[in-house]
C-alpha cells in the first residue's frame, strides 16, 4: 500500500507559479504580434517566424540546460531564466523593427526556457516517488494561464491600457515570485559533482529516447492542432474566424480539464496506462474532427481531442525522469528539447503539406502524430519490461 503523502510546500507552489509564468509569457507572443504586427507592418510570414525563433531558443536550452545547471546551480539558472524572459518581453514590446522583435522572442525562448528545465527537474527531485503528481499538477496551472494570455492582451486594449499591459503584468508577477522564493532551499541534483568543469559523459538509456520520441510526437500533435484547427474549421464547417478563435479557447479549456483529471489519476495509476488511455481518446477525437460528416461531430471530436492531447507531455516527462532519476537535470533538458523541436518542426511541416493537398486533408496528420506518440510510449514500456 502506498503510504507516501503528497505535500505541496512553499517550494512546490513557487515552481508551479514559475511554470505558469513561463506558459503565460509564451502564449502572449501570438496575440501580442497581432497588435504589434499592425503597428510596425509585419507580414504574416514574419509574424510566424517569431514562434519559430522562440522554438529555436527552446531547442538550444534543451541542449545546454543541464550544463548550465551543473556550472551555476539550479537556483541561479532558474532566476536567470525568469529574468531573461522578462528582458525579452520588454525588448519585444519596445521593438520597432522585425529584427529586434525576432531577437526578443529568441531571448525569451532561449534564456526563458532554462527556467523550464529547472522547474521540471526540481519538482521531480523534490517530490521523489510522487513526482508524477507534481509534474502533472504543474502543467494544469500552466495551461490555465496560457489560456488566459489572449484575454489579457485583449483586456488591456479594451481598458485603454494597450496590449503591452498584459506582458508588463506578467513581469510584475515574476518580480513578486522572486521576492517570495529567492531564499527557498532547492533540491540538489543527485548527480551533482564538486567539479562543475568535469566532463559529463552520462548517457540516457534507450527507454528514455523512446519516451522522448513520444513527447516529440505528442507536442507536435498539440501544436499542429492549435496552429491549424482554426483554418480547418473555417473551411470545413464554414464558421467565422471569431468563432474559430472562441472554439480554440474551448479546446484549451478541455486541455486544462484533461490535465487536472490526469493529475488526480496519476496518484493511483501508472503513467504508461494513463498515456494509453489519453492517446486513445486523442486519436479517436482527432479522427472524428478530421472525418466527421456533420458539424456537431467535427466540433465534438475537436473538444475530445483536447482532453486526450493534454496529458501526453507531462506523463512522458514523468516517465523520462523515472528512467534516469539520478540525472533529472539532463532528462528535463532533453525533454524540453523534444518539446521545442516539435514546436519548431511540426506546424511548419503540416502547413507545407496543406499547401500541396489542402488543409482539409492535411489536418489528418495530427491523428497520425498521436498514433506515433502512442507507439513510441508503448515501445519504451515494452523495452523497460524486457
Protein backbone atom coordinates (compact mmCIF):
# COMPACT_ATOMS: atom_id res chain seq x y z
CA UNK A 1 0.00 0.00 0.00
CA UNK A 2 1.26 3.49 -0.93
CA UNK A 3 1.60 5.42 2.34
CA UNK A 4 3.58 8.38 0.96
CA UNK A 5 1.53 11.58 1.20
CA UNK A 6 1.95 14.24 -1.47
CA UNK A 7 2.62 17.61 0.19
CA UNK A 8 2.60 20.99 -1.51
CA UNK A 9 5.03 23.22 0.36
CA UNK A 10 6.24 26.75 -0.46
CA UNK A 11 8.79 25.48 -2.98
CA UNK A 12 6.12 23.44 -4.77
CA UNK A 13 3.83 26.46 -5.10
CA UNK A 14 6.74 28.63 -6.25
CA UNK A 15 7.68 26.16 -9.01
CA UNK A 16 4.04 25.82 -10.09
CA UNK A 17 3.78 29.61 -10.31
CA UNK A 18 7.03 29.96 -12.27
CA UNK A 19 5.94 27.36 -14.80
CA UNK A 20 2.65 29.26 -15.15
CA UNK A 21 4.61 32.49 -15.71
CA UNK A 22 6.62 30.77 -18.44
CA UNK A 23 3.49 29.38 -20.15
CA UNK A 24 1.66 32.72 -19.90
CA UNK A 25 4.51 34.71 -21.45
CA UNK A 26 4.99 32.12 -24.20
CA UNK A 27 1.28 32.19 -25.03
CA UNK A 28 1.25 36.01 -25.10
CA UNK A 29 3.61 36.15 -28.07
CA UNK A 30 0.98 35.28 -30.67
CA UNK A 31 -1.73 37.80 -29.59
CA UNK A 32 0.97 40.41 -28.99
CA UNK A 33 2.16 40.03 -32.57
CA UNK A 34 -1.39 40.52 -33.84
CA UNK A 35 -1.30 44.02 -32.36
CA UNK A 36 2.40 44.78 -32.84
CA UNK A 37 2.34 43.44 -36.41
CA UNK A 38 -0.27 46.04 -37.35
CA UNK A 39 1.72 48.81 -35.64
CA UNK A 40 5.03 48.14 -37.42
CA UNK A 41 3.63 46.46 -40.54
CA UNK A 42 4.86 42.88 -40.17
CA UNK A 43 3.79 40.38 -42.81
CA UNK A 44 2.06 37.17 -41.74
CA UNK A 45 5.10 35.09 -42.63
CA UNK A 46 7.36 37.29 -40.50
CA UNK A 47 4.90 37.04 -37.61
CA UNK A 48 5.09 33.27 -37.89
CA UNK A 49 8.88 33.43 -37.72
CA UNK A 50 8.60 34.76 -34.17
CA UNK A 51 7.15 31.46 -32.98
CA UNK A 52 9.95 29.69 -34.86
CA UNK A 53 12.51 31.90 -33.09
CA UNK A 54 11.03 31.05 -29.68
CA UNK A 55 11.07 27.33 -30.52
CA UNK A 56 14.68 27.57 -31.71
CA UNK A 57 15.54 29.10 -28.34
CA UNK A 58 13.80 26.19 -26.59
CA UNK A 59 15.85 23.72 -28.63
CA UNK A 60 19.07 25.47 -27.61
CA UNK A 61 18.04 25.49 -23.95
CA UNK A 62 17.26 21.79 -24.22
CA UNK A 63 20.80 21.15 -25.43
CA UNK A 64 22.53 23.45 -22.92
CA UNK A 65 20.27 23.38 -19.84
CA UNK A 66 21.96 20.52 -17.97
CA UNK A 67 25.42 22.03 -18.49
CA UNK A 68 24.16 25.38 -17.21
CA UNK A 69 22.77 23.86 -14.01
CA UNK A 70 25.99 21.86 -13.49
CA UNK A 71 28.08 25.02 -13.80
CA UNK A 72 25.96 27.60 -11.96
CA UNK A 73 23.47 25.60 -9.91
CA UNK A 74 19.72 25.25 -10.20
CA UNK A 75 18.74 28.32 -8.18
CA UNK A 76 20.85 30.74 -10.21
CA UNK A 77 19.81 29.24 -13.56
CA UNK A 78 16.14 29.38 -12.54
CA UNK A 79 16.20 33.10 -11.77
CA UNK A 80 18.41 33.89 -14.78
CA UNK A 81 15.75 32.20 -16.91
CA UNK A 82 12.95 34.24 -15.38
CA UNK A 83 14.86 37.50 -15.82
CA UNK A 84 15.71 36.55 -19.41
CA UNK A 85 12.03 36.01 -20.15
CA UNK A 86 11.24 39.44 -18.67
CA UNK A 87 14.01 41.22 -20.59
CA UNK A 88 12.95 39.57 -23.84
CA UNK A 89 9.35 40.66 -23.31
CA UNK A 90 10.41 44.28 -22.72
CA UNK A 91 12.50 44.23 -25.90
CA UNK A 92 9.51 42.80 -27.77
CA UNK A 93 7.06 45.47 -26.64
CA UNK A 94 9.58 48.24 -27.39
CA UNK A 95 10.73 46.83 -30.74
CA UNK A 96 10.01 48.80 -33.89
CA UNK A 97 11.65 46.51 -36.45
CA UNK A 98 11.30 42.81 -37.27
CA UNK A 99 14.98 42.18 -36.48
CA UNK A 100 14.55 43.50 -32.94
CA UNK A 101 11.30 41.66 -32.24
CA UNK A 102 12.68 38.37 -33.63
CA UNK A 103 15.71 38.78 -31.37
CA UNK A 104 13.37 39.39 -28.43
CA UNK A 105 11.44 36.17 -28.94
CA UNK A 106 14.72 34.25 -29.39
CA UNK A 107 15.86 35.60 -26.00
CA UNK A 108 12.56 34.58 -24.43
CA UNK A 109 12.81 31.09 -25.87
CA UNK A 110 16.49 30.53 -25.07
CA UNK A 111 17.07 32.13 -21.67
CA UNK A 112 13.46 31.75 -20.51
CA UNK A 113 13.50 28.03 -21.22
CA UNK A 114 16.36 27.49 -18.77
CA UNK A 115 13.71 28.20 -16.15
CA UNK A 116 11.52 25.47 -17.66
CA UNK A 117 14.37 22.92 -17.40
CA UNK A 118 14.97 23.72 -13.72
CA UNK A 119 11.29 23.78 -12.73
CA UNK A 120 10.77 20.29 -14.17
CA UNK A 121 13.85 18.69 -12.63
CA UNK A 122 13.46 20.45 -9.27
CA UNK A 123 9.84 19.30 -8.95
CA UNK A 124 10.85 15.76 -9.88
CA UNK A 125 13.62 15.59 -7.26
CA UNK A 126 11.69 17.49 -4.59
CA UNK A 127 8.76 15.08 -4.69
CA UNK A 128 10.61 11.85 -5.47
CA UNK A 129 8.18 8.95 -5.87
CA UNK A 130 5.29 11.44 -6.09
CA UNK A 131 6.86 13.34 -8.98
CA UNK A 132 4.04 12.21 -11.29
CA UNK A 133 1.52 14.20 -9.26
CA UNK A 134 3.76 17.28 -9.08
CA UNK A 135 4.62 17.34 -12.78
CA UNK A 136 1.04 16.79 -13.96
CA UNK A 137 -0.39 19.33 -11.50
CA UNK A 138 2.14 21.95 -12.55
CA UNK A 139 1.01 21.56 -16.15
CA UNK A 140 -2.63 22.08 -15.14
CA UNK A 141 -1.70 25.51 -13.84
CA UNK A 142 0.46 26.20 -16.90
CA UNK A 143 -2.27 25.51 -19.45
CA UNK A 144 -4.74 27.60 -17.41
CA UNK A 145 -2.53 30.68 -17.53
CA UNK A 146 -1.64 30.04 -21.16
CA UNK A 147 -5.36 30.14 -21.94
CA UNK A 148 -5.65 33.46 -20.06
CA UNK A 149 -2.93 35.15 -22.10
CA UNK A 150 -5.02 36.11 -25.18
CA UNK A 151 -7.74 37.50 -22.91
CA UNK A 152 -5.13 39.56 -21.02
CA UNK A 153 -3.90 41.18 -24.23
CA UNK A 154 -7.46 41.91 -25.36
CA UNK A 155 -8.49 43.25 -21.96
CA UNK A 156 -5.55 45.66 -21.96
CA UNK A 157 -6.72 47.06 -25.29
CA UNK A 158 -10.35 47.29 -24.16
CA UNK A 159 -9.42 49.16 -20.98
CA UNK A 160 -7.27 51.66 -22.85
CA UNK A 161 -4.01 50.36 -21.32
CA UNK A 162 -2.82 48.75 -24.54
CA UNK A 163 -1.90 45.14 -25.22
CA UNK A 164 1.51 45.71 -23.62
CA UNK A 165 -0.12 45.83 -20.20
CA UNK A 166 -0.55 42.06 -20.29
CA UNK A 167 3.20 41.49 -20.64
CA UNK A 168 4.08 44.11 -18.04
CA UNK A 169 1.67 42.42 -15.62
CA UNK A 170 3.45 39.10 -16.17
CA UNK A 171 6.84 40.66 -15.36
CA UNK A 172 5.43 42.28 -12.20
CA UNK A 173 4.14 38.89 -11.07
CA UNK A 174 7.58 37.39 -11.69
CA UNK A 175 9.16 40.10 -9.53
CA UNK A 176 6.77 39.18 -6.74
CA UNK A 177 7.65 35.50 -7.12
CA UNK A 178 11.33 36.35 -6.84
CA UNK A 179 10.75 38.20 -3.58
CA UNK A 180 8.68 35.27 -2.31
CA UNK A 181 11.07 32.50 -3.27
CA UNK A 182 14.61 33.84 -3.62
CA UNK A 183 15.72 32.36 -0.28
CA UNK A 184 13.95 28.99 -0.50
CA UNK A 185 16.24 25.94 -0.46
CA UNK A 186 16.37 23.93 -3.69
CA UNK A 187 16.89 20.17 -4.01
CA UNK A 188 20.41 19.41 -5.18
CA UNK A 189 20.73 17.31 -8.31
CA UNK A 190 21.63 13.73 -7.39
CA UNK A 191 24.40 13.65 -9.98
CA UNK A 192 25.90 16.98 -8.93
CA UNK A 193 29.70 16.86 -8.70
CA UNK A 194 32.05 19.20 -6.83
CA UNK A 195 33.90 19.95 -10.04
CA UNK A 196 31.46 21.61 -12.45
CA UNK A 197 34.19 21.61 -15.10
CA UNK A 198 34.50 17.81 -15.04
CA UNK A 199 33.43 16.12 -18.28
CA UNK A 200 29.85 14.91 -18.32
CA UNK A 201 29.59 11.54 -20.03
CA UNK A 202 26.15 10.49 -18.84
CA UNK A 203 24.17 8.56 -21.42
CA UNK A 204 20.44 8.28 -21.10
CA UNK A 205 19.01 4.77 -21.66
CA UNK A 206 17.21 3.64 -24.80
CA UNK A 207 13.92 3.62 -22.91
CA UNK A 208 14.37 7.37 -22.40
CA UNK A 209 14.84 8.08 -26.10
CA UNK A 210 11.68 6.16 -26.98
CA UNK A 211 9.65 8.20 -24.50
CA UNK A 212 11.47 11.27 -25.88
CA UNK A 213 10.01 10.38 -29.29
CA UNK A 214 6.58 10.02 -27.69
CA UNK A 215 6.93 13.54 -26.24
CA UNK A 216 8.10 14.89 -29.62
CA UNK A 217 5.11 13.42 -31.49
CA UNK A 218 2.73 14.38 -28.68
CA UNK A 219 3.79 18.04 -28.61
CA UNK A 220 3.73 18.01 -32.42
CA UNK A 221 0.12 16.84 -32.26
CA UNK A 222 -0.78 19.55 -29.75
CA UNK A 223 0.83 22.48 -31.56
CA UNK A 224 -0.22 21.40 -35.05
CA UNK A 225 -3.81 21.22 -33.82
CA UNK A 226 -3.58 24.60 -32.11
CA UNK A 227 -1.94 26.23 -35.15
CA UNK A 228 -4.17 24.86 -37.90
CA UNK A 229 -7.52 23.90 -36.34
CA UNK A 230 -8.95 27.38 -36.85
CA UNK A 231 -8.21 27.35 -40.57
CA UNK A 232 -9.61 23.83 -40.85
CA UNK A 233 -12.82 24.75 -39.02
CA UNK A 234 -13.36 27.85 -41.16
CA UNK A 235 -13.08 25.83 -44.35
CA UNK A 236 -14.69 22.54 -43.36
CA UNK A 237 -17.70 23.65 -41.28
CA UNK A 238 -17.99 27.24 -42.57
CA UNK A 239 -17.64 29.16 -39.31
CA UNK A 240 -16.21 32.64 -38.88
CA UNK A 241 -12.68 33.40 -37.73
CA UNK A 242 -14.09 34.82 -34.48
CA UNK A 243 -15.99 31.60 -33.80
CA UNK A 244 -12.91 29.52 -34.61
CA UNK A 245 -10.92 31.60 -32.11
CA UNK A 246 -13.58 31.03 -29.44
CA UNK A 247 -13.50 27.30 -30.13
CA UNK A 248 -9.72 27.31 -29.69
CA UNK A 249 -10.34 28.82 -26.26
CA UNK A 250 -12.69 25.91 -25.50
CA UNK A 251 -10.07 23.47 -26.78
CA UNK A 252 -7.55 24.91 -24.29
CA UNK A 253 -10.12 24.67 -21.50
CA UNK A 254 -10.63 21.00 -22.37
CA UNK A 255 -6.85 20.56 -22.18
CA UNK A 256 -6.88 22.09 -18.72
CA UNK A 257 -9.68 19.74 -17.64
CA UNK A 258 -7.78 16.80 -19.11
CA UNK A 259 -4.59 17.70 -17.24
CA UNK A 260 -6.49 18.16 -13.99
CA UNK A 261 -8.01 14.70 -14.39
CA UNK A 262 -4.59 13.31 -15.24
CA UNK A 263 -3.03 14.84 -12.13
CA UNK A 264 -5.66 13.17 -9.96
CA UNK A 265 -5.40 9.80 -11.68
CA UNK A 266 -1.60 9.85 -11.53
CA UNK A 267 -1.79 9.23 -7.78
CA UNK A 268 -3.35 5.81 -8.43
CA UNK A 269 -2.33 4.68 -11.92
CA UNK A 270 0.94 4.12 -13.76
CA UNK A 271 1.85 6.92 -16.21
CA UNK A 272 2.03 4.48 -19.15
CA UNK A 273 -1.55 3.33 -18.54
CA UNK A 274 -2.72 6.93 -18.48
CA UNK A 275 -0.82 7.62 -21.71
CA UNK A 276 -2.58 4.72 -23.43
CA UNK A 277 -5.97 5.97 -22.23
CA UNK A 278 -5.34 9.61 -23.12
CA UNK A 279 -3.80 8.88 -26.54
CA UNK A 280 -6.65 6.52 -27.45
CA UNK A 281 -9.04 9.39 -26.67
CA UNK A 282 -6.89 11.84 -28.66
CA UNK A 283 -6.73 9.56 -31.72
CA UNK A 284 -10.49 8.95 -31.55
CA UNK A 285 -11.24 12.67 -31.18
CA UNK A 286 -8.85 13.78 -33.92
CA UNK A 287 -10.23 11.19 -36.34
CA UNK A 288 -13.79 12.42 -35.76
CA UNK A 289 -12.55 16.01 -36.01
CA UNK A 290 -10.98 15.22 -39.38
CA UNK A 291 -13.61 12.95 -40.91
CA UNK A 292 -16.83 13.94 -39.09
CA UNK A 293 -19.61 14.19 -41.69
CA UNK A 294 -21.56 16.88 -39.80
CA UNK A 295 -20.57 19.98 -37.88
CA UNK A 296 -21.65 18.64 -34.49
CA UNK A 297 -19.42 15.56 -34.82
CA UNK A 298 -16.47 17.65 -36.02
CA UNK A 299 -16.71 20.01 -33.06
CA UNK A 300 -17.24 17.15 -30.58
CA UNK A 301 -14.14 15.42 -31.92
CA UNK A 302 -12.17 18.65 -31.59
CA UNK A 303 -13.03 19.02 -27.90
CA UNK A 304 -12.46 15.34 -27.15
CA UNK A 305 -9.05 15.64 -28.76
CA UNK A 306 -8.22 18.46 -26.34
CA UNK A 307 -8.96 16.17 -23.41
CA UNK A 308 -6.73 13.42 -24.80
CA UNK A 309 -3.84 15.54 -26.08
CA UNK A 310 -3.46 17.28 -22.73
CA UNK A 311 -1.61 14.59 -20.81
CA UNK A 312 0.97 13.20 -23.21
CA UNK A 313 3.81 15.64 -22.49
CA UNK A 314 3.54 15.79 -18.66
CA UNK A 315 3.20 12.00 -18.42
CA UNK A 316 6.06 11.43 -20.87
CA UNK A 317 8.14 13.83 -18.76
CA UNK A 318 7.38 11.72 -15.67
CA UNK A 319 8.43 8.51 -17.43
CA UNK A 320 11.52 10.20 -18.89
CA UNK A 321 12.75 11.35 -15.48
CA UNK A 322 11.90 7.94 -13.99
CA UNK A 323 14.24 6.27 -16.49
CA UNK A 324 17.17 8.34 -15.15
CA UNK A 325 16.21 9.67 -11.69
CA UNK A 326 19.85 10.44 -10.79
CA UNK A 327 20.18 12.65 -13.86
CA UNK A 328 16.96 14.66 -13.67
CA UNK A 329 18.51 17.90 -15.00
CA UNK A 330 19.74 16.10 -18.10
CA UNK A 331 16.43 14.28 -18.60
CA UNK A 332 14.46 17.51 -18.11
CA UNK A 333 16.68 19.40 -20.57
CA UNK A 334 16.31 16.73 -23.23
CA UNK A 335 12.54 16.58 -22.78
CA UNK A 336 12.46 20.36 -23.27
CA UNK A 337 14.48 19.73 -26.44
CA UNK A 338 11.74 17.34 -27.61
CA UNK A 339 9.09 19.97 -26.95
CA UNK A 340 10.98 22.79 -28.68
CA UNK A 341 11.86 20.62 -31.68
CA UNK A 342 8.22 19.61 -32.12
CA UNK A 343 7.02 23.23 -31.95
CA UNK A 344 9.72 24.19 -34.44
CA UNK A 345 9.03 21.43 -36.96
CA UNK A 346 5.51 20.01 -36.82
CA UNK A 347 3.31 23.06 -37.58
CA UNK A 348 5.59 24.09 -40.47
CA UNK A 349 5.52 20.61 -41.99
CA UNK A 350 1.74 20.41 -41.72
CA UNK A 351 1.39 23.88 -43.24
CA UNK A 352 3.65 22.96 -46.14
CA UNK A 353 1.64 19.78 -46.67
CA UNK A 354 -1.58 21.82 -46.62
CA UNK A 355 -0.22 23.99 -49.44
CA UNK A 356 0.03 20.84 -51.57
CA UNK A 357 -3.03 18.76 -50.64
CA UNK A 358 -5.25 21.26 -48.82
CA UNK A 359 -5.83 21.84 -45.13
CA UNK A 360 -8.90 19.57 -45.08
CA UNK A 361 -6.73 16.57 -45.95
CA UNK A 362 -3.51 17.64 -44.22
CA UNK A 363 -5.15 18.01 -40.80
CA UNK A 364 -5.34 14.21 -40.67
CA UNK A 365 -1.59 14.27 -39.92
CA UNK A 366 -2.50 15.24 -36.34
CA UNK A 367 -4.14 11.84 -35.78
CA UNK A 368 -1.09 10.13 -37.27
CA UNK A 369 1.23 12.04 -34.90
CA UNK A 370 -0.92 10.99 -31.93
CA UNK A 371 -0.70 7.37 -33.09
CA UNK A 372 3.10 7.60 -33.41
CA UNK A 373 3.28 9.09 -29.89
CA UNK A 374 1.31 6.14 -28.53
CA UNK A 375 3.50 3.63 -30.40
CA UNK A 376 6.71 5.21 -29.06
CA UNK A 377 5.38 5.25 -25.49
CA UNK A 378 4.40 1.58 -25.73
CA UNK A 379 7.80 0.78 -27.20
CA UNK A 380 9.51 2.43 -24.23
CA UNK A 381 7.34 0.48 -21.81
CA UNK A 382 7.98 -2.84 -23.58
CA UNK A 383 11.74 -2.25 -23.67
CA UNK A 384 11.80 -1.37 -19.97
CA UNK A 385 9.91 -4.55 -19.06
CA UNK A 386 12.19 -6.68 -21.23
